[in-house]
Protein backbone atom coordinates (compact mmCIF):
# COMPACT_ATOMS: atom_id res chain seq x y z
CA MET A 1 -47.94 95.72 27.81
CA LYS A 2 -48.72 93.03 30.37
CA GLN A 3 -52.09 93.54 32.02
CA ASP A 4 -52.74 94.01 35.72
CA TYR A 5 -53.70 90.67 37.39
CA PHE A 6 -56.81 92.09 39.08
CA SER A 7 -58.02 93.95 35.97
CA ALA A 8 -57.48 90.85 33.81
CA ASN A 9 -59.48 88.64 36.20
CA ASN A 10 -62.13 91.33 36.80
CA ILE A 11 -61.49 91.46 40.57
CA LYS A 12 -62.86 94.69 42.04
CA HIS A 13 -62.30 93.93 45.73
CA ILE A 14 -59.04 92.38 46.96
CA ASP A 15 -60.17 90.14 49.83
CA TYR A 16 -57.77 89.65 52.75
CA LYS A 17 -59.34 86.22 53.44
CA ASP A 18 -58.30 84.87 50.01
CA VAL A 19 -54.91 83.65 51.25
CA GLU A 20 -54.05 81.55 48.17
CA MET A 21 -54.40 84.56 45.86
CA LEU A 22 -52.40 86.82 48.21
CA LYS A 23 -49.56 84.27 48.40
CA LYS A 24 -48.94 84.80 44.66
CA PHE A 25 -47.67 88.30 45.51
CA LEU A 26 -45.27 87.23 48.27
CA ASN A 27 -41.70 86.02 47.78
CA PRO A 28 -40.48 82.82 49.53
CA SER A 29 -39.51 84.77 52.66
CA ALA A 30 -43.10 86.18 52.79
CA ARG A 31 -42.18 89.72 51.74
CA ILE A 32 -44.48 91.68 49.43
CA LEU A 33 -43.21 91.81 45.84
CA SER A 34 -42.57 95.20 44.22
CA ARG A 35 -44.76 96.73 41.52
CA LYS A 36 -42.02 96.02 39.00
CA ARG A 37 -42.35 92.29 39.77
CA THR A 38 -46.17 92.16 40.15
CA ASN A 39 -47.02 94.41 37.15
CA LEU A 40 -49.91 95.96 39.10
CA ILE A 41 -51.19 99.50 38.75
CA ALA A 42 -50.40 101.70 41.76
CA LYS A 43 -53.98 101.70 43.07
CA ASN A 44 -54.18 97.89 43.04
CA GLN A 45 -50.70 97.54 44.57
CA ARG A 46 -51.88 99.68 47.52
CA LYS A 47 -55.07 97.62 47.88
CA LEU A 48 -53.01 94.42 47.73
CA GLU A 49 -50.58 95.77 50.33
CA ASN A 50 -53.44 96.63 52.72
CA ALA A 51 -55.07 93.22 52.17
CA ILE A 52 -51.79 91.41 52.91
CA LYS A 53 -51.16 93.51 56.03
CA ARG A 54 -54.71 92.91 57.27
CA SER A 55 -54.37 89.19 56.56
CA ARG A 56 -51.09 89.08 58.52
CA PHE A 57 -52.67 90.90 61.46
CA MET A 58 -55.57 88.41 61.48
CA GLY A 59 -53.05 85.55 61.51
CA LEU A 60 -53.89 84.20 58.05
CA LEU A 61 -50.48 84.96 56.50
CA PRO A 62 -47.05 84.89 58.16
CA PHE A 63 -45.06 88.08 58.72
CA VAL A 64 -41.85 86.17 57.88
CA SER A 65 -41.04 82.64 56.76
CA LYS A 66 -37.87 80.68 56.20
């Protein structure tokens, strides 16, 4: 089984300011990828989702892109 990205890289806290890492989990139109695509455990997918939403609100990531 493929391992969770955050568990594999020993990342405990998903930081909303780490835009480059968060971009890995967005599709080209800046939508959040599903768990099936990201292979994350549910807990980390929720943390990732909150980090992306916070980052968008702070203006670090776009809500949509073309």
